[in-house]
Amino acid sequence: MTMKTGRVRLHLRIGAVVALAMLLGATSPGLTLADDSAAPAKVKLVGYVISNDGQSLVVRDVAGKTTSVILTDETIVKAKNPGLGLILKGKKAANEALVAGLEVEVEGVSGADGSVVASKVQFEKKDMKMAQAIQAGVTPVEKQVSETDARIGDITNLDTRQEVTVNFPVNSTTLTPESKLALDGLASTAKGIQGYVIEVRGFADSTGNAEQNLALSKRRAEAVVSYLQVEHDIPIRRIVTPAGYGSTHAVSDNTTDAGRASNRRVEVKLLVSKGLQQK
């Protein structure tokens, strides 16, 4: 009886060892345990909605960094104020509620190329009212711009009267004295012309990643627009929406200091309607 009991105990011990080995993958090379570190990282982002195309948001934080926020049919759109709760769920709700200018708090997981896949987007009721009020004023402004475009002609029917290029230090959006002087000259010329528009395009060198360069080039273009508006009272309707092109459209070799300095630029064109010039 003692020997039989010993054999039973031995079999039980062997079975336990085999089970443990299988659990650890020692007896089955194809068996691997789940790797929690491979799961997408949770992300929390606070910033302002810059644009919303119904599929994703572009959100800019207080530091000026822009992030693409991917919307899904499971994305919850929610006011943080007590009593308001869940507004709606999904892309359609997000497209209707999350207007440009709205401050939002995004929760989600990291996606491809630095994007965030949103599980929840929250905002304050007062912020939504303010953003909606701003959006309500967009329609008359757009109508005015449309009428102006009809008078001066399509952008492809414009001649370049003057063009200046202003350059920036590394990772900077600050206009240099030389840049301001060049913009002063262009603004002075513009004020003596009927039916003009100003095209502003920003660029960066190849230093840094593509997303950072895109955001930096856009902020450089916005810095030029701000200077023309504040210092020379150029109406916003006269300025084509400033665009940032990142490190694309390089004019010089990015492998040299001089080349990179040339690529850190904003191109500004003073355009005049051909039709008005003939009058």
C-alpha atoms as a PDB file:
ATOM      1  CA  MET A   1       0.000   0.000   0.000  1.00  0.00           C
ATOM      2  CA  THR A   2       2.832   2.378   0.766  1.00  0.00           C
ATOM      3  CA  MET A   3       4.563   1.742  -2.597  1.00  0.00           C
ATOM      4  CA  LYS A   4       1.276   2.245  -4.490  1.00  0.00           C
ATOM      5  CA  THR A   5       0.625   5.495  -2.673  1.00  0.00           C
ATOM      6  CA  GLY A   6       4.158   6.619  -3.501  1.00  0.00           C
ATOM      7  CA  ARG A   7       3.619   5.864  -7.207  1.00  0.00           C
ATOM      8  CA  VAL A   8       0.363   7.855  -7.227  1.00  0.00           C
ATOM      9  CA  ARG A   9       2.097  10.808  -5.621  1.00  0.00           C
ATOM     10  CA  LEU A  10       4.944  10.541  -8.137  1.00  0.00           C
ATOM     11  CA  HIS A  11       2.490  10.517 -11.050  1.00  0.00           C
ATOM     12  CA  LEU A  12       0.731  13.550  -9.622  1.00  0.00           C
ATOM     13  CA  ARG A  13       4.008  15.414  -9.267  1.00  0.00           C
ATOM     14  CA  ILE A  14       5.055  14.538 -12.829  1.00  0.00           C
ATOM     15  CA  GLY A  15       1.647  15.704 -14.116  1.00  0.00           C
ATOM     16  CA  ALA A  16       1.984  18.994 -12.277  1.00  0.00           C
ATOM     17  CA  VAL A  17       5.467  19.568 -13.707  1.00  0.00           C
ATOM     18  CA  VAL A  18       4.267  18.822 -17.252  1.00  0.00           C
ATOM     19  CA  ALA A  19       1.282  21.160 -16.868  1.00  0.00           C
ATOM     20  CA  LEU A  20       3.519  23.944 -15.572  1.00  0.00           C
ATOM     21  CA  ALA A  21       5.985  23.419 -18.417  1.00  0.00           C
ATOM     22  CA  MET A  22       3.184  23.605 -20.979  1.00  0.00           C
ATOM     23  CA  LEU A  23       1.905  26.786 -19.389  1.00  0.00           C
ATOM     24  CA  LEU A  24       5.332  28.386 -19.636  1.00  0.00           C
ATOM     25  CA  GLY A  25       5.761  27.214 -23.192  1.00  0.00           C
ATOM     26  CA  ALA A  26       8.678  24.904 -22.373  1.00  0.00           C
ATOM     27  CA  THR A  27       7.160  21.811 -24.039  1.00  0.00           C
ATOM     28  CA  SER A  28       5.405  23.644 -26.889  1.00  0.00           C
ATOM     29  CA  PRO A  29       7.595  26.035 -28.874  1.00  0.00           C
ATOM     30  CA  GLY A  30       4.550  27.358 -30.742  1.00  0.00           C
ATOM     31  CA  LEU A  31       2.769  28.419 -27.560  1.00  0.00           C
ATOM     32  CA  THR A  32       3.433  32.018 -26.451  1.00  0.00           C
ATOM     33  CA  LEU A  33       1.897  34.050 -23.688  1.00  0.00           C
ATOM     34  CA  ALA A  34       0.087  37.308 -24.476  1.00  0.00           C
ATOM     35  CA  ASP A  35       2.449  40.269 -24.502  1.00  0.00           C
ATOM     36  CA  ASP A  36       0.750  43.148 -22.732  1.00  0.00           C
ATOM     37  CA  SER A  37       3.501  45.522 -23.870  1.00  0.00           C
ATOM     38  CA  ALA A  38       2.322  45.115 -27.487  1.00  0.00           C
ATOM     39  CA  ALA A  39      -1.084  46.643 -26.724  1.00  0.00           C
ATOM     40  CA  PRO A  40      -1.628  50.198 -28.054  1.00  0.00           C
ATOM     41  CA  ALA A  41      -0.666  52.867 -25.543  1.00  0.00           C
ATOM     42  CA  LYS A  42      -3.487  54.855 -23.957  1.00  0.00           C
ATOM     43  CA  VAL A  43      -3.431  58.545 -24.855  1.00  0.00           C
ATOM     44  CA  LYS A  44      -5.086  61.635 -23.373  1.00  0.00           C
ATOM     45  CA  LEU A  45      -4.964  64.836 -25.398  1.00  0.00           C
ATOM     46  CA  VAL A  46      -6.284  68.350 -24.735  1.00  0.00           C
ATOM     47  CA  GLY A  47      -6.427  70.960 -27.467  1.00  0.00           C
ATOM     48  CA  TYR A  48      -8.521  72.846 -30.010  1.00  0.00           C
ATOM     49  CA  VAL A  49     -10.236  71.391 -33.063  1.00  0.00           C
ATOM     50  CA  ILE A  50      -8.594  72.862 -36.165  1.00  0.00           C
ATOM     51  CA  SER A  51     -10.560  70.872 -38.716  1.00  0.00           C
ATOM     52  CA  ASN A  52     -13.067  68.012 -38.919  1.00  0.00           C
ATOM     53  CA  ASP A  53     -13.651  66.095 -42.156  1.00  0.00           C
ATOM     54  CA  GLY A  54     -16.096  63.597 -40.654  1.00  0.00           C
ATOM     55  CA  GLN A  55     -13.505  60.832 -40.467  1.00  0.00           C
ATOM     56  CA  SER A  56     -10.876  62.488 -38.293  1.00  0.00           C
ATOM     57  CA  LEU A  57     -10.088  65.666 -36.369  1.00  0.00           C
ATOM     58  CA  VAL A  58      -6.972  67.773 -36.394  1.00  0.00           C
ATOM     59  CA  VAL A  59      -6.380  68.934 -32.809  1.00  0.00           C
ATOM     60  CA  ARG A  60      -3.752  71.495 -31.804  1.00  0.00           C
ATOM     61  CA  ASP A  61      -2.507  71.577 -28.205  1.00  0.00           C
ATOM     62  CA  VAL A  62      -1.299  74.648 -26.293  1.00  0.00           C
ATOM     63  CA  ALA A  63       2.275  73.964 -27.399  1.00  0.00           C
ATOM     64  CA  GLY A  64       1.215  74.229 -31.036  1.00  0.00           C
ATOM     65  CA  LYS A  65       1.559  70.537 -31.857  1.00  0.00           C
ATOM     66  CA  THR A  66      -1.137  69.160 -34.159  1.00  0.00           C
ATOM     67  CA  THR A  67      -2.433  65.598 -33.853  1.00  0.00           C
ATOM     68  CA  SER A  68      -4.704  63.630 -36.155  1.00  0.00           C
ATOM     69  CA  VAL A  69      -7.561  62.112 -34.130  1.00  0.00           C
ATOM     70  CA  ILE A  70      -9.268  59.197 -35.856  1.00  0.00           C
ATOM     71  CA  LEU A  71     -13.032  58.898 -35.329  1.00  0.00           C
ATOM     72  CA  THR A  72     -14.815  55.552 -35.301  1.00  0.00           C
ATOM     73  CA  ASP A  73     -18.412  54.396 -35.039  1.00  0.00           C
ATOM     74  CA  GLU A  74     -17.667  53.656 -31.367  1.00  0.00           C
ATOM     75  CA  THR A  75     -16.311  57.121 -30.535  1.00  0.00           C
ATOM     76  CA  ILE A  76     -18.322  58.687 -27.693  1.00  0.00           C
ATOM     77  CA  VAL A  77     -19.046  62.412 -27.985  1.00  0.00           C
ATOM     78  CA  LYS A  78     -19.764  63.731 -24.505  1.00  0.00           C
ATOM     79  CA  ALA A  79     -20.192  67.015 -22.667  1.00  0.00           C
ATOM     80  CA  LYS A  80     -18.337  67.122 -19.358  1.00  0.00           C
ATOM     81  CA  ASN A  81     -21.025  69.232 -17.683  1.00  0.00           C
ATOM     82  CA  PRO A  82     -23.254  67.366 -15.198  1.00  0.00           C
ATOM     83  CA  GLY A  83     -26.687  66.653 -16.578  1.00  0.00           C
ATOM     84  CA  LEU A  84     -25.749  66.800 -20.253  1.00  0.00           C
ATOM     85  CA  GLY A  85     -24.078  63.407 -20.444  1.00  0.00           C
ATOM     86  CA  LEU A  86     -23.761  61.493 -23.691  1.00  0.00           C
ATOM     87  CA  ILE A  87     -24.736  63.483 -26.753  1.00  0.00           C
ATOM     88  CA  LEU A  88     -24.332  60.875 -29.451  1.00  0.00           C
ATOM     89  CA  LYS A  89     -22.016  58.146 -30.562  1.00  0.00           C
ATOM     90  CA  GLY A  90     -20.108  57.614 -33.791  1.00  0.00           C
ATOM     91  CA  LYS A  91     -18.640  59.605 -36.686  1.00  0.00           C
ATOM     92  CA  LYS A  92     -21.840  61.441 -37.565  1.00  0.00           C
ATOM     93  CA  ALA A  93     -22.248  62.777 -34.046  1.00  0.00           C
ATOM     94  CA  ALA A  94     -18.614  63.822 -33.920  1.00  0.00           C
ATOM     95  CA  ASN A  95     -18.893  65.571 -37.278  1.00  0.00           C
ATOM     96  CA  GLU A  96     -21.921  67.588 -36.131  1.00  0.00           C
ATOM     97  CA  ALA A  97     -20.776  68.495 -32.618  1.00  0.00           C
ATOM     98  CA  LEU A  98     -16.988  68.883 -32.846  1.00  0.00           C
ATOM     99  CA  VAL A  99     -16.707  72.126 -34.795  1.00  0.00           C
ATOM    100  CA  ALA A 100     -13.511  74.057 -35.474  1.00  0.00           C
ATOM    101  CA  GLY A 101     -12.443  76.186 -32.512  1.00  0.00           C
ATOM    102  CA  LEU A 102     -13.905  73.855 -29.876  1.00  0.00           C
ATOM    103  CA  GLU A 103     -11.609  72.920 -26.987  1.00  0.00           C
ATOM    104  CA  VAL A 104     -11.743  69.159 -26.508  1.00  0.00           C
ATOM    105  CA  GLU A 105     -10.340  66.434 -24.287  1.00  0.00           C
ATOM    106  CA  VAL A 106      -9.594  63.280 -26.256  1.00  0.00           C
ATOM    107  CA  GLU A 107      -9.138  59.808 -24.792  1.00  0.00           C
ATOM    108  CA  GLY A 108      -8.020  56.904 -26.952  1.00  0.00           C
ATOM    109  CA  VAL A 109      -5.092  54.772 -28.019  1.00  0.00           C
ATOM    110  CA  SER A 110      -2.070  55.507 -30.154  1.00  0.00           C
ATOM    111  CA  GLY A 111      -2.516  54.831 -33.840  1.00  0.00           C
ATOM    112  CA  ALA A 112      -0.288  54.821 -36.890  1.00  0.00           C
ATOM    113  CA  ASP A 113       1.970  57.792 -37.691  1.00  0.00           C
ATOM    114  CA  GLY A 114       1.425  59.475 -34.343  1.00  0.00           C
ATOM    115  CA  SER A 115      -2.356  59.611 -34.676  1.00  0.00           C
ATOM    116  CA  VAL A 116      -4.840  58.880 -31.874  1.00  0.00           C
ATOM    117  CA  VAL A 117      -7.832  56.564 -32.304  1.00  0.00           C
ATOM    118  CA  ALA A 118     -10.498  58.241 -30.167  1.00  0.00           C
ATOM    119  CA  SER A 119     -12.692  56.272 -27.782  1.00  0.00           C
ATOM    120  CA  LYS A 120     -14.115  59.419 -26.162  1.00  0.00           C
ATOM    121  CA  VAL A 121     -14.136  63.152 -26.968  1.00  0.00           C
ATOM    122  CA  GLN A 122     -15.344  65.520 -24.235  1.00  0.00           C
ATOM    123  CA  PHE A 123     -15.874  69.274 -24.064  1.00  0.00           C
ATOM    124  CA  GLU A 124     -17.422  72.008 -21.935  1.00  0.00           C
ATOM    125  CA  LYS A 125     -20.899  73.307 -22.816  1.00  0.00           C
ATOM    126  CA  LYS A 126     -19.716  76.942 -22.739  1.00  0.00           C
ATOM    127  CA  ASP A 127     -16.869  76.122 -25.127  1.00  0.00           C
ATOM    128  CA  MET A 128     -19.299  74.505 -27.553  1.00  0.00           C
ATOM    129  CA  LYS A 129     -21.566  77.565 -27.514  1.00  0.00           C
ATOM    130  CA  MET A 130     -18.624  79.842 -28.223  1.00  0.00           C
ATOM    131  CA  ALA A 131     -17.322  77.656 -31.059  1.00  0.00           C
ATOM    132  CA  GLN A 132     -20.801  77.433 -32.596  1.00  0.00           C
ATOM    133  CA  ALA A 133     -21.178  81.209 -32.385  1.00  0.00           C
ATOM    134  CA  ILE A 134     -17.891  81.612 -34.234  1.00  0.00           C
ATOM    135  CA  GLN A 135     -19.004  79.103 -36.858  1.00  0.00           C
ATOM    136  CA  ALA A 136     -22.291  80.998 -37.281  1.00  0.00           C
ATOM    137  CA  GLY A 137     -20.259  83.994 -38.402  1.00  0.00           C
ATOM    138  CA  VAL A 138     -18.310  81.969 -40.946  1.00  0.00           C
ATOM    139  CA  THR A 139     -21.130  81.814 -43.510  1.00  0.00           C
ATOM    140  CA  PRO A 140     -21.447  85.586 -44.116  1.00  0.00           C
ATOM    141  CA  VAL A 141     -17.665  85.905 -44.265  1.00  0.00           C
ATOM    142  CA  GLU A 142     -17.433  83.087 -46.787  1.00  0.00           C
ATOM    143  CA  LYS A 143     -20.199  84.727 -48.831  1.00  0.00           C
ATOM    144  CA  GLN A 144     -18.257  87.988 -48.857  1.00  0.00           C
ATOM    145  CA  VAL A 145     -15.090  86.211 -49.947  1.00  0.00           C
ATOM    146  CA  SER A 146     -17.018  84.402 -52.663  1.00  0.00           C
ATOM    147  CA  GLU A 147     -18.378  87.690 -53.975  1.00  0.00           C
ATOM    148  CA  THR A 148     -14.904  89.186 -53.921  1.00  0.00           C
ATOM    149  CA  ASP A 149     -13.539  86.202 -55.846  1.00  0.00           C
ATOM    150  CA  ALA A 150     -16.278  86.659 -58.430  1.00  0.00           C
ATOM    151  CA  ARG A 151     -15.213  90.262 -58.916  1.00  0.00           C
ATOM    152  CA  ILE A 152     -11.486  89.697 -59.171  1.00  0.00           C
ATOM    153  CA  GLY A 153     -11.620  86.377 -61.017  1.00  0.00           C
ATOM    154  CA  ASP A 154     -10.409  82.854 -60.317  1.00  0.00           C
ATOM    155  CA  ILE A 155      -6.971  82.376 -58.707  1.00  0.00           C
ATOM    156  CA  THR A 156      -5.705  80.944 -61.989  1.00  0.00           C
ATOM    157  CA  ASN A 157      -6.622  84.232 -63.697  1.00  0.00           C
ATOM    158  CA  LEU A 158      -4.267  86.292 -61.543  1.00  0.00           C
ATOM    159  CA  ASP A 159      -0.846  87.717 -62.294  1.00  0.00           C
ATOM    160  CA  THR A 160       1.982  87.842 -59.761  1.00  0.00           C
ATOM    161  CA  ARG A 161       2.738  91.525 -59.147  1.00  0.00           C
ATOM    162  CA  GLN A 162       5.326  90.976 -56.421  1.00  0.00           C
ATOM    163  CA  GLU A 163       6.855  88.009 -54.602  1.00  0.00           C
ATOM    164  CA  VAL A 164       8.985  87.862 -51.462  1.00  0.00           C
ATOM    165  CA  THR A 165      10.502  84.967 -49.553  1.00  0.00           C
ATOM    166  CA  VAL A 166      11.154  85.273 -45.830  1.00  0.00           C
ATOM    167  CA  ASN A 167      13.386  82.819 -43.990  1.00  0.00           C
ATOM    168  CA  PHE A 168      13.361  81.566 -40.413  1.00  0.00           C
ATOM    169  CA  PRO A 169      15.893  80.303 -37.850  1.00  0.00           C
ATOM    170  CA  VAL A 170      15.907  76.618 -36.919  1.00  0.00           C
ATOM    171  CA  ASN A 171      12.614  75.460 -35.345  1.00  0.00           C
ATOM    172  CA  SER A 172      11.383  79.069 -35.190  1.00  0.00           C
ATOM    173  CA  THR A 173       8.301  80.977 -36.303  1.00  0.00           C
ATOM    174  CA  THR A 174       9.706  84.405 -35.372  1.00  0.00           C
ATOM    175  CA  LEU A 175      10.071  86.934 -38.169  1.00  0.00           C
ATOM    176  CA  THR A 176      13.499  88.497 -38.484  1.00  0.00           C
ATOM    177  CA  PRO A 177      13.948  92.279 -39.034  1.00  0.00           C
ATOM    178  CA  GLU A 178      14.902  91.542 -42.654  1.00  0.00           C
ATOM    179  CA  SER A 179      11.726  89.497 -43.127  1.00  0.00           C
ATOM    180  CA  LYS A 180       9.564  92.274 -41.694  1.00  0.00           C
ATOM    181  CA  LEU A 181      11.188  94.786 -44.027  1.00  0.00           C
ATOM    182  CA  ALA A 182      10.399  92.604 -47.050  1.00  0.00           C
ATOM    183  CA  LEU A 183       6.778  92.186 -45.929  1.00  0.00           C
ATOM    184  CA  ASP A 184       6.496  95.946 -45.327  1.00  0.00           C
ATOM    185  CA  GLY A 185       7.415  96.533 -48.977  1.00  0.00           C
ATOM    186  CA  LEU A 186       4.880  94.006 -50.263  1.00  0.00           C
ATOM    187  CA  ALA A 187       2.101  95.434 -48.068  1.00  0.00           C
ATOM    188  CA  SER A 188       2.878  98.957 -49.252  1.00  0.00           C
ATOM    189  CA  THR A 189       2.585  97.860 -52.887  1.00  0.00           C
ATOM    190  CA  ALA A 190      -0.676  96.001 -52.184  1.00  0.00           C
ATOM    191  CA  LYS A 191      -2.413  99.062 -50.746  1.00  0.00           C
ATOM    192  CA  GLY A 192      -1.997 100.887 -54.036  1.00  0.00           C
ATOM    193  CA  ILE A 193      -3.645  98.123 -56.085  1.00  0.00           C
ATOM    194  CA  GLN A 194      -7.314  97.349 -56.674  1.00  0.00           C
ATOM    195  CA  GLY A 195      -8.539  93.742 -56.513  1.00  0.00           C
ATOM    196  CA  TYR A 196      -5.441  92.046 -55.076  1.00  0.00           C
ATOM    197  CA  VAL A 197      -5.026  88.871 -53.021  1.00  0.00           C
ATOM    198  CA  ILE A 198      -1.999  87.586 -51.134  1.00  0.00           C
ATOM    199  CA  GLU A 199      -0.954  83.945 -51.257  1.00  0.00           C
ATOM    200  CA  VAL A 200       1.071  82.634 -48.293  1.00  0.00           C
ATOM    201  CA  ARG A 201       2.814  79.248 -48.302  1.00  0.00           C
ATOM    202  CA  GLY A 202       5.047  77.947 -45.495  1.00  0.00           C
ATOM    203  CA  PHE A 203       7.858  75.381 -45.663  1.00  0.00           C
ATOM    204  CA  ALA A 204      10.408  73.650 -43.419  1.00  0.00           C
ATOM    205  CA  ASP A 205      13.722  71.905 -43.906  1.00  0.00           C
ATOM    206  CA  SER A 206      14.024  68.134 -43.578  1.00  0.00           C
ATOM    207  CA  THR A 207      15.132  68.208 -39.923  1.00  0.00           C
ATOM    208  CA  GLY A 208      12.606  66.462 -37.653  1.00  0.00           C
ATOM    209  CA  ASN A 209       9.711  64.198 -38.599  1.00  0.00           C
ATOM    210  CA  ALA A 210       7.109  64.915 -41.261  1.00  0.00           C
ATOM    211  CA  GLU A 211       4.304  65.733 -38.804  1.00  0.00           C
ATOM    212  CA  GLN A 212       6.416  68.268 -36.911  1.00  0.00           C
ATOM    213  CA  ASN A 213       7.589  69.884 -40.134  1.00  0.00           C
ATOM    214  CA  LEU A 214       4.044  70.192 -41.425  1.00  0.00           C
ATOM    215  CA  ALA A 215       2.878  71.904 -38.231  1.00  0.00           C
ATOM    216  CA  LEU A 216       5.943  74.175 -38.156  1.00  0.00           C
ATOM    217  CA  SER A 217       5.504  75.264 -41.773  1.00  0.00           C
ATOM    218  CA  LYS A 218       1.833  76.098 -41.122  1.00  0.00           C
ATOM    219  CA  ARG A 219       2.710  78.198 -38.050  1.00  0.00           C
ATOM    220  CA  ARG A 220       5.308  80.097 -40.090  1.00  0.00           C
ATOM    221  CA  ALA A 221       2.685  80.942 -42.706  1.00  0.00           C
ATOM    222  CA  GLU A 222       0.307  82.043 -39.941  1.00  0.00           C
ATOM    223  CA  ALA A 223       3.033  84.270 -38.459  1.00  0.00           C
ATOM    224  CA  VAL A 224       3.346  86.083 -41.791  1.00  0.00           C
ATOM    225  CA  VAL A 225      -0.435  86.514 -42.075  1.00  0.00           C
ATOM    226  CA  SER A 226      -0.624  87.850 -38.516  1.00  0.00           C
ATOM    227  CA  TYR A 227       2.101  90.408 -39.242  1.00  0.00           C
ATOM    228  CA  LEU A 228       0.356  91.637 -42.397  1.00  0.00           C
ATOM    229  CA  GLN A 229      -2.948  91.963 -40.548  1.00  0.00           C
ATOM    230  CA  VAL A 230      -1.682  93.593 -37.365  1.00  0.00           C
ATOM    231  CA  GLU A 231       1.060  95.830 -38.737  1.00  0.00           C
ATOM    232  CA  HIS A 232      -0.475  96.751 -42.098  1.00  0.00           C
ATOM    233  CA  ASP A 233      -4.218  96.238 -41.623  1.00  0.00           C
ATOM    234  CA  ILE A 234      -4.462  93.861 -44.587  1.00  0.00           C
ATOM    235  CA  PRO A 235      -8.073  92.521 -44.567  1.00  0.00           C
ATOM    236  CA  ILE A 236      -8.275  88.768 -43.995  1.00  0.00           C
ATOM    237  CA  ARG A 237     -10.505  88.454 -47.085  1.00  0.00           C
ATOM    238  CA  ARG A 238      -7.507  89.566 -49.145  1.00  0.00           C
ATOM    239  CA  ILE A 239      -5.341  86.685 -47.932  1.00  0.00           C
ATOM    240  CA  VAL A 240      -5.615  83.198 -49.379  1.00  0.00           C
ATOM    241  CA  THR A 241      -5.855  80.661 -46.548  1.00  0.00           C
ATOM    242  CA  PRO A 242      -2.239  80.147 -45.408  1.00  0.00           C
ATOM    243  CA  ALA A 243      -0.915  76.694 -46.162  1.00  0.00           C
ATOM    244  CA  GLY A 244       1.932  74.634 -44.705  1.00  0.00           C
ATOM    245  CA  TYR A 245       3.787  72.161 -46.922  1.00  0.00           C
ATOM    246  CA  GLY A 246       6.288  70.745 -44.432  1.00  0.00           C
ATOM    247  CA  SER A 247       9.619  69.760 -45.942  1.00  0.00           C
ATOM    248  CA  THR A 248       8.170  69.198 -49.415  1.00  0.00           C
ATOM    249  CA  HIS A 249       9.000  71.487 -52.351  1.00  0.00           C
ATOM    250  CA  ALA A 250      12.574  72.063 -51.193  1.00  0.00           C
ATOM    251  CA  VAL A 251      14.407  74.777 -53.130  1.00  0.00           C
ATOM    252  CA  SER A 252      17.875  73.793 -51.915  1.00  0.00           C
ATOM    253  CA  ASP A 253      19.857  70.751 -50.809  1.00  0.00           C
ATOM    254  CA  ASN A 254      18.827  69.666 -47.300  1.00  0.00           C
ATOM    255  CA  THR A 255      22.205  68.037 -46.683  1.00  0.00           C
ATOM    256  CA  THR A 256      23.944  71.396 -46.144  1.00  0.00           C
ATOM    257  CA  ASP A 257      23.406  74.143 -43.576  1.00  0.00           C
ATOM    258  CA  ALA A 258      22.944  76.742 -46.292  1.00  0.00           C
ATOM    259  CA  GLY A 259      20.439  74.553 -48.114  1.00  0.00           C
ATOM    260  CA  ARG A 260      18.383  73.910 -44.999  1.00  0.00           C
ATOM    261  CA  ALA A 261      18.399  77.640 -44.205  1.00  0.00           C
ATOM    262  CA  SER A 262      16.937  78.357 -47.656  1.00  0.00           C
ATOM    263  CA  ASN A 263      14.219  75.747 -47.153  1.00  0.00           C
ATOM    264  CA  ARG A 264      13.053  77.252 -43.836  1.00  0.00           C
ATOM    265  CA  ARG A 265      10.889  79.808 -45.580  1.00  0.00           C
ATOM    266  CA  VAL A 266       7.523  81.350 -46.341  1.00  0.00           C
ATOM    267  CA  GLU A 267       6.728  82.376 -49.910  1.00  0.00           C
ATOM    268  CA  VAL A 268       4.425  85.381 -50.219  1.00  0.00           C
ATOM    269  CA  LYS A 269       2.878  86.402 -53.547  1.00  0.00           C
ATOM    270  CA  LEU A 270       0.929  89.547 -54.313  1.00  0.00           C
ATOM    271  CA  LEU A 271      -1.581  88.532 -56.992  1.00  0.00           C
ATOM    272  CA  VAL A 272      -3.702  90.858 -59.124  1.00  0.00           C
ATOM    273  CA  SER A 273      -6.712  90.134 -61.317  1.00  0.00           C
ATOM    274  CA  LYS A 274      -5.909  90.229 -65.037  1.00  0.00           C
ATOM    275  CA  GLY A 275      -9.402  91.559 -65.733  1.00  0.00           C
ATOM    276  CA  LEU A 276      -8.963  94.533 -63.435  1.00  0.00           C
ATOM    277  CA  GLN A 277      -5.562  95.370 -64.898  1.00  0.00           C
ATOM    278  CA  GLN A 278      -7.133  95.770 -68.334  1.00  0.00           C
ATOM    279  CA  LYS A 279      -9.579  98.388 -67.104  1.00  0.00           C
END
